[in-house]
Amino acid sequence: MRRVRDGIVTAALVLGLATLVTAHLALAFRLLRRRPRWRGLVALVVPPLAVIWALRAGWKGIAAVWLGAVAVYVGALIAVAVWS
Protein backbone atom coordinates (compact mmCIF):
# COMPACT_ATOMS: atom_id res chain seq x y z
CA MET A 1 0.00 0.00 0.00
CA ARG A 2 2.89 2.35 0.76
CA ARG A 3 4.27 1.96 -2.77
CA VAL A 4 0.97 3.03 -4.29
CA ARG A 5 0.78 6.10 -2.06
CA ASP A 6 4.40 7.01 -2.83
CA GLY A 7 3.71 6.70 -6.54
CA ILE A 8 0.65 8.93 -6.35
CA VAL A 9 2.49 11.58 -4.36
CA THR A 10 5.47 11.44 -6.74
CA ALA A 11 3.16 11.81 -9.74
CA ALA A 12 1.43 14.76 -8.09
CA LEU A 13 4.80 16.42 -7.40
CA VAL A 14 6.03 15.93 -10.95
CA LEU A 15 2.80 16.95 -12.67
CA GLY A 16 2.23 19.90 -10.34
CA LEU A 17 5.72 21.28 -10.87
CA ALA A 18 5.70 20.68 -14.63
CA THR A 19 2.33 22.38 -15.00
CA LEU A 20 3.43 25.27 -12.79
CA VAL A 21 6.62 25.87 -14.77
CA THR A 22 4.78 25.65 -18.09
CA ALA A 23 2.00 28.00 -17.02
CA HIS A 24 4.50 30.43 -15.51
CA LEU A 25 6.58 30.60 -18.66
CA ALA A 26 3.44 31.03 -20.76
CA LEU A 27 2.37 33.94 -18.56
CA ALA A 28 5.79 35.55 -18.66
CA PHE A 29 6.03 35.33 -22.46
CA ARG A 30 2.49 36.68 -22.83
CA LEU A 31 3.47 39.60 -20.64
CA LEU A 32 6.58 40.17 -22.75
CA ARG A 33 4.36 40.68 -25.80
CA ARG A 34 2.32 43.45 -24.14
CA ARG A 35 3.33 46.88 -23.03
CA PRO A 36 5.05 47.58 -20.68
CA ARG A 37 7.38 44.76 -21.66
CA TRP A 38 9.46 44.89 -18.47
CA ARG A 39 6.61 43.12 -16.65
CA GLY A 40 7.46 39.91 -18.47
CA LEU A 41 11.04 39.98 -17.24
CA VAL A 42 10.00 40.84 -13.69
CA ALA A 43 7.38 38.08 -13.75
CA LEU A 44 10.11 35.52 -14.48
CA VAL A 45 11.90 36.48 -11.26
CA VAL A 46 8.89 37.22 -9.01
CA PRO A 47 6.30 34.52 -9.80
CA PRO A 48 3.29 35.93 -7.88
CA LEU A 49 3.42 39.10 -9.97
CA ALA A 50 2.80 37.05 -13.11
CA VAL A 51 -0.55 35.89 -11.73
CA ILE A 52 -1.51 39.34 -10.46
CA TRP A 53 -0.77 40.96 -13.81
CA ALA A 54 -2.52 38.12 -15.67
CA LEU A 55 -5.68 38.64 -13.64
CA ARG A 56 -5.53 42.39 -14.28
CA ALA A 57 -5.17 41.71 -18.00
CA GLY A 58 -8.23 39.44 -17.92
CA TRP A 59 -6.37 36.16 -18.46
CA LYS A 60 -8.42 34.20 -15.94
CA GLY A 61 -7.86 30.80 -17.54
CA ILE A 62 -4.08 30.70 -17.44
CA ALA A 63 -4.09 32.34 -14.00
CA ALA A 64 -6.41 29.60 -12.74
CA VAL A 65 -4.11 26.93 -14.19
CA TRP A 66 -1.13 28.55 -12.45
CA LEU A 67 -2.95 28.74 -9.11
CA GLY A 68 -4.23 25.17 -9.46
CA ALA A 69 -0.73 23.90 -10.19
CA VAL A 70 0.58 25.68 -7.10
CA ALA A 71 -2.18 24.08 -5.02
CA VAL A 72 -1.39 20.58 -6.33
CA TYR A 73 2.35 21.02 -5.82
CA VAL A 74 2.04 22.43 -2.30
CA GLY A 75 -0.48 19.73 -1.40
CA ALA A 76 1.93 17.05 -2.58
CA LEU A 77 4.78 18.63 -0.62
CA ILE A 78 2.62 18.60 2.50
CA ALA A 79 1.75 14.96 1.86
CA VAL A 80 5.43 14.09 1.61
CA ALA A 81 6.17 15.89 4.88
CA VAL A 82 3.29 14.21 6.71
CA TRP A 83 3.87 10.65 5.45
CA SER A 84 7.66 10.61 5.66
C-alpha atoms as a PDB file:
ATOM      1  CA  MET A   1       0.000   0.000   0.000  1.00  0.00           C
ATOM      2  CA  ARG A   2       2.887   2.352   0.757  1.00  0.00           C
ATOM      3  CA  ARG A   3       4.272   1.961  -2.774  1.00  0.00           C
ATOM      4  CA  VAL A   4       0.972   3.032  -4.293  1.00  0.00           C
ATOM      5  CA  ARG A   5       0.781   6.101  -2.055  1.00  0.00           C
ATOM      6  CA  ASP A   6       4.397   7.006  -2.828  1.00  0.00           C
ATOM      7  CA  GLY A   7       3.708   6.699  -6.539  1.00  0.00           C
ATOM      8  CA  ILE A   8       0.651   8.933  -6.349  1.00  0.00           C
ATOM      9  CA  VAL A   9       2.493  11.581  -4.357  1.00  0.00           C
ATOM     10  CA  THR A  10       5.466  11.436  -6.737  1.00  0.00           C
ATOM     11  CA  ALA A  11       3.165  11.808  -9.741  1.00  0.00           C
ATOM     12  CA  ALA A  12       1.427  14.764  -8.095  1.00  0.00           C
ATOM     13  CA  LEU A  13       4.796  16.417  -7.401  1.00  0.00           C
ATOM     14  CA  VAL A  14       6.033  15.931 -10.954  1.00  0.00           C
ATOM     15  CA  LEU A  15       2.797  16.952 -12.670  1.00  0.00           C
ATOM     16  CA  GLY A  16       2.234  19.902 -10.342  1.00  0.00           C
ATOM     17  CA  LEU A  17       5.720  21.283 -10.869  1.00  0.00           C
ATOM     18  CA  ALA A  18       5.701  20.676 -14.634  1.00  0.00           C
ATOM     19  CA  THR A  19       2.327  22.384 -14.995  1.00  0.00           C
ATOM     20  CA  LEU A  20       3.431  25.270 -12.795  1.00  0.00           C
ATOM     21  CA  VAL A  21       6.624  25.874 -14.770  1.00  0.00           C
ATOM     22  CA  THR A  22       4.784  25.647 -18.094  1.00  0.00           C
ATOM     23  CA  ALA A  23       2.002  28.003 -17.021  1.00  0.00           C
ATOM     24  CA  HIS A  24       4.495  30.427 -15.509  1.00  0.00           C
ATOM     25  CA  LEU A  25       6.583  30.600 -18.664  1.00  0.00           C
ATOM     26  CA  ALA A  26       3.436  31.031 -20.761  1.00  0.00           C
ATOM     27  CA  LEU A  27       2.371  33.939 -18.557  1.00  0.00           C
ATOM     28  CA  ALA A  28       5.792  35.554 -18.661  1.00  0.00           C
ATOM     29  CA  PHE A  29       6.028  35.328 -22.456  1.00  0.00           C
ATOM     30  CA  ARG A  30       2.492  36.677 -22.828  1.00  0.00           C
ATOM     31  CA  LEU A  31       3.467  39.602 -20.636  1.00  0.00           C
ATOM     32  CA  LEU A  32       6.584  40.173 -22.749  1.00  0.00           C
ATOM     33  CA  ARG A  33       4.361  40.684 -25.801  1.00  0.00           C
ATOM     34  CA  ARG A  34       2.317  43.448 -24.140  1.00  0.00           C
ATOM     35  CA  ARG A  35       3.330  46.882 -23.032  1.00  0.00           C
ATOM     36  CA  PRO A  36       5.051  47.582 -20.678  1.00  0.00           C
ATOM     37  CA  ARG A  37       7.376  44.758 -21.656  1.00  0.00           C
ATOM     38  CA  TRP A  38       9.459  44.894 -18.465  1.00  0.00           C
ATOM     39  CA  ARG A  39       6.615  43.120 -16.653  1.00  0.00           C
ATOM     40  CA  GLY A  40       7.456  39.905 -18.469  1.00  0.00           C
ATOM     41  CA  LEU A  41      11.036  39.981 -17.238  1.00  0.00           C
ATOM     42  CA  VAL A  42      10.003  40.842 -13.688  1.00  0.00           C
ATOM     43  CA  ALA A  43       7.383  38.076 -13.746  1.00  0.00           C
ATOM     44  CA  LEU A  44      10.107  35.523 -14.480  1.00  0.00           C
ATOM     45  CA  VAL A  45      11.897  36.485 -11.265  1.00  0.00           C
ATOM     46  CA  VAL A  46       8.895  37.223  -9.005  1.00  0.00           C
ATOM     47  CA  PRO A  47       6.299  34.524  -9.801  1.00  0.00           C
ATOM     48  CA  PRO A  48       3.291  35.925  -7.885  1.00  0.00           C
ATOM     49  CA  LEU A  49       3.422  39.102  -9.972  1.00  0.00           C
ATOM     50  CA  ALA A  50       2.795  37.053 -13.108  1.00  0.00           C
ATOM     51  CA  VAL A  51      -0.547  35.895 -11.732  1.00  0.00           C
ATOM     52  CA  ILE A  52      -1.508  39.335 -10.462  1.00  0.00           C
ATOM     53  CA  TRP A  53      -0.772  40.958 -13.814  1.00  0.00           C
ATOM     54  CA  ALA A  54      -2.521  38.120 -15.667  1.00  0.00           C
ATOM     55  CA  LEU A  55      -5.680  38.644 -13.642  1.00  0.00           C
ATOM     56  CA  ARG A  56      -5.527  42.394 -14.276  1.00  0.00           C
ATOM     57  CA  ALA A  57      -5.169  41.707 -18.002  1.00  0.00           C
ATOM     58  CA  GLY A  58      -8.227  39.444 -17.923  1.00  0.00           C
ATOM     59  CA  TRP A  59      -6.375  36.159 -18.456  1.00  0.00           C
ATOM     60  CA  LYS A  60      -8.415  34.204 -15.936  1.00  0.00           C
ATOM     61  CA  GLY A  61      -7.856  30.804 -17.540  1.00  0.00           C
ATOM     62  CA  ILE A  62      -4.080  30.700 -17.439  1.00  0.00           C
ATOM     63  CA  ALA A  63      -4.088  32.342 -14.001  1.00  0.00           C
ATOM     64  CA  ALA A  64      -6.409  29.598 -12.740  1.00  0.00           C
ATOM     65  CA  VAL A  65      -4.109  26.927 -14.190  1.00  0.00           C
ATOM     66  CA  TRP A  66      -1.132  28.545 -12.448  1.00  0.00           C
ATOM     67  CA  LEU A  67      -2.948  28.736  -9.108  1.00  0.00           C
ATOM     68  CA  GLY A  68      -4.230  25.172  -9.459  1.00  0.00           C
ATOM     69  CA  ALA A  69      -0.731  23.897 -10.187  1.00  0.00           C
ATOM     70  CA  VAL A  70       0.576  25.678  -7.098  1.00  0.00           C
ATOM     71  CA  ALA A  71      -2.180  24.081  -5.020  1.00  0.00           C
ATOM     72  CA  VAL A  72      -1.388  20.579  -6.330  1.00  0.00           C
ATOM     73  CA  TYR A  73       2.345  21.020  -5.820  1.00  0.00           C
ATOM     74  CA  VAL A  74       2.038  22.434  -2.297  1.00  0.00           C
ATOM     75  CA  GLY A  75      -0.480  19.732  -1.397  1.00  0.00           C
ATOM     76  CA  ALA A  76       1.929  17.048  -2.582  1.00  0.00           C
ATOM     77  CA  LEU A  77       4.778  18.630  -0.616  1.00  0.00           C
ATOM     78  CA  ILE A  78       2.621  18.597   2.502  1.00  0.00           C
ATOM     79  CA  ALA A  79       1.746  14.957   1.863  1.00  0.00           C
ATOM     80  CA  VAL A  80       5.434  14.088   1.608  1.00  0.00           C
ATOM     81  CA  ALA A  81       6.166  15.890   4.882  1.00  0.00           C
ATOM     82  CA  VAL A  82       3.289  14.206   6.713  1.00  0.00           C
ATOM     83  CA  TRP A  83       3.871  10.648   5.446  1.00  0.00           C
ATOM     84  CA  SER A  84       7.663  10.607   5.656  1.00  0.00           C
END
